[in-house]
């Protein structure tokens, strides 16, 4: 290879690298902007929630799930993968100060349970305005996970025997 051809090849390679670096920087800025945008939306939601004097006024709570059991209220934060059980569980928080009950559970702020227990015992509160004020004050606006590139719904749904061989629930649609 002549010196001229080698210099031209090196210049072309440098140009390709420069374009690749510029593209990667642009992709990262775009991704950072998506996160900043979501953080700004959440801050705005938090402010609207702070100003609302009733649950009814807090339109930001439209996606919130509150469930009841035995006169106590619980907010669903999401569905989390349990590596040990190899299935999803409901992640929730009591809307009251949950002290320890000897022989049953420790004091906690967050908890998780399997869907059969959740759906069998808890009842979804359809109208958030019926949640007592003490519990309503503890409701948090979500979402509680953030990934602008997440292509699936936030909540899982029951699936037939998973083609992946894992769990009875999935974020992904059934594979055909």
Protein backbone atom coordinates (compact mmCIF):
# COMPACT_ATOMS: atom_id res chain seq x y z
CA UNK A 1 0.00 0.00 0.00
CA UNK A 2 1.38 3.39 -0.90
CA UNK A 3 1.83 6.15 1.62
CA UNK A 4 -0.97 8.16 0.00
CA UNK A 5 -3.42 5.24 0.14
CA UNK A 6 -2.44 4.49 3.74
CA UNK A 7 -2.97 8.14 4.71
CA UNK A 8 -6.36 8.18 2.96
CA UNK A 9 -7.40 4.93 4.71
CA UNK A 10 -6.30 6.32 8.07
CA UNK A 11 -8.21 9.55 7.43
CA UNK A 12 -11.34 7.58 6.45
CA UNK A 13 -11.04 5.40 9.55
CA UNK A 14 -10.66 8.49 11.74
CA UNK A 15 -13.73 10.05 10.11
CA UNK A 16 -15.78 6.89 10.69
CA UNK A 17 -14.66 6.84 14.35
CA UNK A 18 -15.55 10.52 14.74
CA UNK A 19 -19.02 9.89 13.33
CA UNK A 20 -19.49 6.87 15.63
CA UNK A 21 -18.44 8.91 18.67
CA UNK A 22 -20.74 11.78 17.66
CA UNK A 23 -23.64 9.36 17.19
CA UNK A 24 -23.04 7.78 20.59
CA UNK A 25 -22.89 11.20 22.26
CA UNK A 26 -26.15 12.18 20.54
CA UNK A 27 -27.82 8.89 21.67
CA UNK A 28 -26.70 9.47 25.26
CA UNK A 29 -27.94 13.09 25.23
CA UNK A 30 -31.28 11.93 23.84
CA UNK A 31 -31.55 9.25 26.56
CA UNK A 32 -30.56 11.77 29.27
CA UNK A 33 -33.21 14.16 27.93
CA UNK A 34 -35.85 11.41 28.22
CA UNK A 35 -34.89 10.84 31.87
CA UNK A 36 -34.79 14.58 32.60
CA UNK A 37 -38.20 14.95 30.97
CA UNK A 38 -39.64 12.15 33.12
CA UNK A 39 -38.09 13.62 36.28
CA UNK A 40 -39.62 17.02 35.46
CA UNK A 41 -43.02 15.35 34.91
CA UNK A 42 -42.74 13.57 38.27
CA UNK A 43 -41.81 16.84 40.02
CA UNK A 44 -44.84 18.50 38.46
CA UNK A 45 -47.02 15.58 39.56
CA UNK A 46 -45.66 15.79 43.10
CA UNK A 47 -46.44 19.52 43.21
CA UNK A 48 -50.00 18.98 41.92
CA UNK A 49 -50.47 16.30 44.55
CA UNK A 50 -49.14 18.59 47.30
CA UNK A 51 -51.60 21.35 46.29
CA UNK A 52 -54.64 19.05 46.06
CA UNK A 53 -56.80 19.29 49.16
CA UNK A 54 -58.71 16.08 48.40
CA UNK A 55 -58.05 12.86 46.55
CA UNK A 56 -60.74 13.98 44.12
CA UNK A 57 -58.69 17.06 43.14
CA UNK A 58 -55.53 15.04 42.66
CA UNK A 59 -56.06 14.00 39.05
CA UNK A 60 -52.46 12.81 39.04
CA UNK A 61 -53.64 9.77 41.00
CA UNK A 62 -55.56 8.35 38.04
CA UNK A 63 -53.16 5.40 37.64
CA UNK A 64 -52.82 4.66 41.35
CA UNK A 65 -53.96 1.25 42.62
CA UNK A 66 -55.27 1.12 46.18
CA UNK A 67 -56.54 -2.12 47.67
CA UNK A 68 -58.22 -2.90 50.99
CA UNK A 69 -58.13 -5.79 53.43
CA UNK A 70 -59.75 -5.86 56.85
CA UNK A 71 -60.31 -2.10 57.01
CA UNK A 72 -56.68 -1.31 56.12
CA UNK A 73 -55.49 0.15 52.84
CA UNK A 74 -52.51 -0.72 50.63
CA UNK A 75 -51.00 0.87 47.52
CA UNK A 76 -49.63 -1.32 44.74
CA UNK A 77 -46.23 -0.07 43.57
CA UNK A 78 -45.75 -2.63 40.83
CA UNK A 79 -44.97 -6.20 39.95
CA UNK A 80 -41.47 -7.47 40.71
CA UNK A 81 -39.62 -10.56 39.54
CA UNK A 82 -38.82 -12.98 42.37
CA UNK A 83 -35.69 -14.88 41.35
CA UNK A 84 -36.23 -17.57 43.99
CA UNK A 85 -39.86 -18.29 43.05
CA UNK A 86 -39.14 -17.63 39.34
CA UNK A 87 -42.35 -15.64 39.02
CA UNK A 88 -43.72 -12.15 39.58
CA UNK A 89 -45.07 -10.88 42.89
CA UNK A 90 -47.14 -7.85 43.84
CA UNK A 91 -45.07 -5.13 45.53
CA UNK A 92 -47.16 -2.94 47.80
CA UNK A 93 -47.00 -0.58 50.74
CA UNK A 94 -49.36 -0.31 53.69
CA UNK A 95 -51.07 3.06 53.91
CA UNK A 96 -50.60 3.02 57.67
CA UNK A 97 -47.72 2.55 60.07
CA UNK A 98 -47.26 -1.22 60.02
CA UNK A 99 -45.75 -2.42 63.29
CA UNK A 100 -44.47 -5.97 63.83
CA UNK A 101 -46.89 -8.75 64.73
CA UNK A 102 -45.04 -11.46 66.67
CA UNK A 103 -45.08 -14.75 64.81
CA UNK A 104 -46.52 -13.14 61.64
CA UNK A 105 -44.31 -10.35 60.26
CA UNK A 106 -41.77 -7.64 61.04
CA UNK A 107 -42.52 -3.92 60.97
CA UNK A 108 -42.26 -2.81 57.35
CA UNK A 109 -42.79 -0.01 54.84
CA UNK A 110 -42.92 -2.26 51.74
CA UNK A 111 -44.03 -5.83 51.22
CA UNK A 112 -44.57 -8.35 48.45
CA UNK A 113 -46.87 -11.30 48.03
CA UNK A 114 -47.89 -13.78 45.37
CA UNK A 115 -50.83 -13.04 43.10
CA UNK A 116 -53.02 -15.87 44.41
CA UNK A 117 -52.94 -14.39 47.93
CA UNK A 118 -53.31 -10.83 46.66
CA UNK A 119 -56.24 -11.51 44.35
CA UNK A 120 -57.88 -13.91 46.82
CA UNK A 121 -57.82 -11.67 49.91
CA UNK A 122 -57.49 -8.02 48.88
CA UNK A 123 -60.18 -5.95 47.20
CA UNK A 124 -59.39 -3.14 44.78
CA UNK A 125 -60.74 0.29 45.76
CA UNK A 126 -62.51 1.56 42.65
CA UNK A 127 -63.11 5.08 43.94
CA UNK A 128 -60.10 6.71 45.63
CA UNK A 129 -62.37 9.32 47.21
CA UNK A 130 -63.60 6.56 49.56
CA UNK A 131 -60.12 6.02 51.02
CA UNK A 132 -60.07 7.45 54.58
CA UNK A 133 -58.07 10.70 54.94
CA UNK A 134 -55.34 9.11 57.10
CA UNK A 135 -54.59 6.53 54.39
CA UNK A 136 -55.18 8.95 51.49
CA UNK A 137 -52.46 11.29 52.81
CA UNK A 138 -49.94 8.48 52.40
CA UNK A 139 -50.74 7.72 48.75
CA UNK A 140 -47.78 8.34 46.45
CA UNK A 141 -48.05 9.28 42.80
CA UNK A 142 -46.06 6.95 40.56
CA UNK A 143 -44.68 5.56 38.43
CA UNK A 144 -42.22 3.71 40.64
CA UNK A 145 -39.97 2.48 37.85
CA UNK A 146 -38.38 4.50 35.08
CA UNK A 147 -37.06 3.21 31.79
CA UNK A 148 -38.01 5.29 28.74
CA UNK A 149 -37.01 2.39 26.48
CA UNK A 150 -39.21 -0.21 28.27
CA UNK A 151 -41.46 -1.60 25.51
CA UNK A 152 -43.96 -3.53 27.68
CA UNK A 153 -46.89 -2.59 29.93
CA UNK A 154 -46.04 -1.62 33.54
CA UNK A 155 -48.13 -4.44 34.98
CA UNK A 156 -47.87 -8.16 34.30
CA UNK A 157 -50.76 -10.37 33.26
CA UNK A 158 -51.42 -14.07 33.67
CA UNK A 159 -50.03 -16.26 30.89
CA UNK A 160 -50.55 -19.85 29.90
CA UNK A 161 -47.53 -22.08 30.35
CA UNK A 162 -44.76 -19.68 29.50
CA UNK A 163 -42.77 -20.51 26.39
CA UNK A 164 -39.80 -19.24 28.33
CA UNK A 165 -40.58 -21.81 31.04
CA UNK A 166 -40.65 -19.20 33.79
CA UNK A 167 -43.56 -18.02 35.89
CA UNK A 168 -47.28 -17.77 35.40
CA UNK A 169 -47.23 -14.04 34.60
CA UNK A 170 -45.45 -11.84 32.07
CA UNK A 171 -45.13 -8.24 30.87
CA UNK A 172 -44.81 -9.56 27.33
CA UNK A 173 -47.69 -10.68 25.12
CA UNK A 174 -48.21 -14.39 24.57
CA UNK A 175 -45.80 -15.83 22.07
CA UNK A 176 -47.49 -17.54 19.19
